C-alpha cells in the first residue's frame, strides 16, 4: 500500500499513511476518472521501445522490445512548476544535470 501511494515503504503506520487510508471513496473515483481521461489521449504504443514517466510515482520506466528494461527515480515538477506531459521522439536524455 505504501509503495502504491508513493509513500516511503517502512511498514509503519505513520501520519501520511493514515491520511492516504482516509481519502474518501469519491476522491479516489475522481482520481481514476481523471487518469482514465489522460490515458485516452495517449497514442497507442506502436513502437516496442519507449519511456514512460509516472509522475505521481516519481519513476521512469524504460521499455526495450516491449519489456521493462529498467526503471529509476526521477525528479518531477511542483504545483508552481508543473511537469510537462508530452508524447514525442527523444533525441537525447540528460542524467543528473
C-alpha atoms as a PDB file:
ATOM      1  CA  UNK A   1       0.000   0.000   0.000  1.00  0.00           C
ATOM      2  CA  UNK A   2       2.766   2.443   0.891  1.00  0.00           C
ATOM      3  CA  UNK A   3       4.549   1.888  -2.436  1.00  0.00           C
ATOM      4  CA  UNK A   4       1.299   2.249  -4.399  1.00  0.00           C
ATOM      5  CA  UNK A   5       0.556   5.549  -2.653  1.00  0.00           C
ATOM      6  CA  UNK A   6       4.073   6.905  -3.247  1.00  0.00           C
ATOM      7  CA  UNK A   7       4.998   6.760   0.423  1.00  0.00           C
ATOM      8  CA  UNK A   8       8.295   5.690   1.941  1.00  0.00           C
ATOM      9  CA  UNK A   9       7.988   1.924   2.410  1.00  0.00           C
ATOM     10  CA  UNK A  10       8.824   1.194   6.032  1.00  0.00           C
ATOM     11  CA  UNK A  11       5.879  -0.934   7.179  1.00  0.00           C
ATOM     12  CA  UNK A  12       4.978   1.621   9.848  1.00  0.00           C
ATOM     13  CA  UNK A  13       1.570   3.243  10.115  1.00  0.00           C
ATOM     14  CA  UNK A  14       2.510   6.919  10.180  1.00  0.00           C
ATOM     15  CA  UNK A  15       0.534  10.118   9.659  1.00  0.00           C
ATOM     16  CA  UNK A  16       0.970  10.090   5.862  1.00  0.00           C
ATOM     17  CA  UNK A  17      -0.246   6.506   5.593  1.00  0.00           C
ATOM     18  CA  UNK A  18      -3.263   7.245   7.792  1.00  0.00           C
ATOM     19  CA  UNK A  19      -4.058  10.265   5.607  1.00  0.00           C
ATOM     20  CA  UNK A  20      -3.965   8.067   2.468  1.00  0.00           C
ATOM     21  CA  UNK A  21      -6.165   5.447   4.122  1.00  0.00           C
ATOM     22  CA  UNK A  22      -8.713   8.144   4.985  1.00  0.00           C
ATOM     23  CA  UNK A  23      -9.075   9.582   1.463  1.00  0.00           C
ATOM     24  CA  UNK A  24     -12.808   9.458   0.668  1.00  0.00           C
ATOM     25  CA  UNK A  25     -14.012   6.988  -1.944  1.00  0.00           C
ATOM     26  CA  UNK A  26     -15.439   9.828  -4.066  1.00  0.00           C
ATOM     27  CA  UNK A  27     -11.970  11.406  -4.336  1.00  0.00           C
ATOM     28  CA  UNK A  28     -10.395   8.071  -5.376  1.00  0.00           C
ATOM     29  CA  UNK A  29     -13.100   7.651  -8.031  1.00  0.00           C
ATOM     30  CA  UNK A  30     -12.375  11.178  -9.318  1.00  0.00           C
ATOM     31  CA  UNK A  31      -8.650  10.344  -9.485  1.00  0.00           C
ATOM     32  CA  UNK A  32      -9.451   7.249 -11.546  1.00  0.00           C
ATOM     33  CA  UNK A  33     -11.661   9.219 -13.928  1.00  0.00           C
ATOM     34  CA  UNK A  34      -9.016  11.921 -14.426  1.00  0.00           C
ATOM     35  CA  UNK A  35      -6.317   9.346 -15.140  1.00  0.00           C
ATOM     36  CA  UNK A  36      -8.560   7.367 -17.482  1.00  0.00           C
ATOM     37  CA  UNK A  37      -9.121  10.587 -19.450  1.00  0.00           C
ATOM     38  CA  UNK A  38      -5.354  11.173 -19.585  1.00  0.00           C
ATOM     39  CA  UNK A  39      -4.825   7.647 -20.886  1.00  0.00           C
ATOM     40  CA  UNK A  40      -7.487   8.205 -23.544  1.00  0.00           C
ATOM     41  CA  UNK A  41      -5.344  10.956 -25.053  1.00  0.00           C
ATOM     42  CA  UNK A  42      -2.191   8.835 -25.094  1.00  0.00           C
ATOM     43  CA  UNK A  43      -1.341   7.408 -28.508  1.00  0.00           C
ATOM     44  CA  UNK A  44      -1.294   3.629 -28.928  1.00  0.00           C
ATOM     45  CA  UNK A  45       2.104   2.060 -28.349  1.00  0.00           C
ATOM     46  CA  UNK A  46       3.203   1.166 -31.874  1.00  0.00           C
ATOM     47  CA  UNK A  47       6.886   1.061 -31.007  1.00  0.00           C
ATOM     48  CA  UNK A  48       8.264  -1.578 -28.673  1.00  0.00           C
ATOM     49  CA  UNK A  49      10.962   0.809 -27.375  1.00  0.00           C
ATOM     50  CA  UNK A  50       9.628   3.626 -25.239  1.00  0.00           C
ATOM     51  CA  UNK A  51       9.953   5.543 -21.979  1.00  0.00           C
ATOM     52  CA  UNK A  52       7.137   6.229 -19.531  1.00  0.00           C
ATOM     53  CA  UNK A  53       7.497   8.671 -16.650  1.00  0.00           C
ATOM     54  CA  UNK A  54       4.955   8.036 -13.919  1.00  0.00           C
ATOM     55  CA  UNK A  55       4.811  11.488 -12.323  1.00  0.00           C
ATOM     56  CA  UNK A  56       2.952  10.545  -9.096  1.00  0.00           C
ATOM     57  CA  UNK A  57       5.326   7.605  -8.613  1.00  0.00           C
ATOM     58  CA  UNK A  58       8.466   9.726  -9.286  1.00  0.00           C
ATOM     59  CA  UNK A  59       9.690   6.901 -11.549  1.00  0.00           C
ATOM     60  CA  UNK A  60      10.833   6.498 -15.138  1.00  0.00           C
ATOM     61  CA  UNK A  61      10.254   3.117 -16.790  1.00  0.00           C
ATOM     62  CA  UNK A  62      12.257   2.213 -19.912  1.00  0.00           C
ATOM     63  CA  UNK A  63      10.940  -0.481 -22.238  1.00  0.00           C
ATOM     64  CA  UNK A  64      13.077  -2.316 -24.784  1.00  0.00           C
ATOM     65  CA  UNK A  65      11.348  -4.689 -27.200  1.00  0.00           C
ATOM     66  CA  UNK A  66       8.152  -4.285 -25.184  1.00  0.00           C
ATOM     67  CA  UNK A  67       9.736  -5.487 -21.931  1.00  0.00           C
ATOM     68  CA  UNK A  68      10.726  -3.419 -18.928  1.00  0.00           C
ATOM     69  CA  UNK A  69      14.489  -2.891 -19.255  1.00  0.00           C
ATOM     70  CA  UNK A  70      14.924  -0.773 -16.126  1.00  0.00           C
ATOM     71  CA  UNK A  71      13.354   1.914 -14.023  1.00  0.00           C
ATOM     72  CA  UNK A  72      14.760   4.723 -11.957  1.00  0.00           C
ATOM     73  CA  UNK A  73      13.709   7.555  -9.677  1.00  0.00           C
ATOM     74  CA  UNK A  74      13.142  10.948 -11.310  1.00  0.00           C
ATOM     75  CA  UNK A  75      12.596  14.486 -10.115  1.00  0.00           C
ATOM     76  CA  UNK A  76       9.282  15.966 -11.196  1.00  0.00           C
ATOM     77  CA  UNK A  77       7.835  19.462 -11.000  1.00  0.00           C
ATOM     78  CA  UNK A  78       5.847  21.080  -8.242  1.00  0.00           C
ATOM     79  CA  UNK A  79       2.479  22.815  -8.116  1.00  0.00           C
ATOM     80  CA  UNK A  80       4.180  26.055  -9.193  1.00  0.00           C
ATOM     81  CA  UNK A  81       6.463  24.487 -11.842  1.00  0.00           C
ATOM     82  CA  UNK A  82       4.445  21.532 -13.075  1.00  0.00           C
ATOM     83  CA  UNK A  83       5.945  18.714 -15.115  1.00  0.00           C
ATOM     84  CA  UNK A  84       5.127  18.947 -18.809  1.00  0.00           C
ATOM     85  CA  UNK A  85       3.171  15.988 -20.161  1.00  0.00           C
ATOM     86  CA  UNK A  86       4.035  15.170 -23.759  1.00  0.00           C
ATOM     87  CA  UNK A  87       4.416  12.435 -26.301  1.00  0.00           C
ATOM     88  CA  UNK A  88       7.171  12.516 -28.879  1.00  0.00           C
ATOM     89  CA  UNK A  89      10.504  11.189 -30.030  1.00  0.00           C
ATOM     90  CA  UNK A  90      13.563  11.729 -27.842  1.00  0.00           C
ATOM     91  CA  UNK A  91      16.938  12.513 -29.358  1.00  0.00           C
ATOM     92  CA  UNK A  92      18.853  12.611 -26.074  1.00  0.00           C
ATOM     93  CA  UNK A  93      18.356  12.379 -22.316  1.00  0.00           C
ATOM     94  CA  UNK A  94      20.300  14.342 -19.696  1.00  0.00           C
ATOM     95  CA  UNK A  95      21.038  12.441 -16.489  1.00  0.00           C
ATOM     96  CA  UNK A  96      21.952  14.394 -13.346  1.00  0.00           C
ATOM     97  CA  UNK A  97      22.047  17.873 -14.901  1.00  0.00           C
END
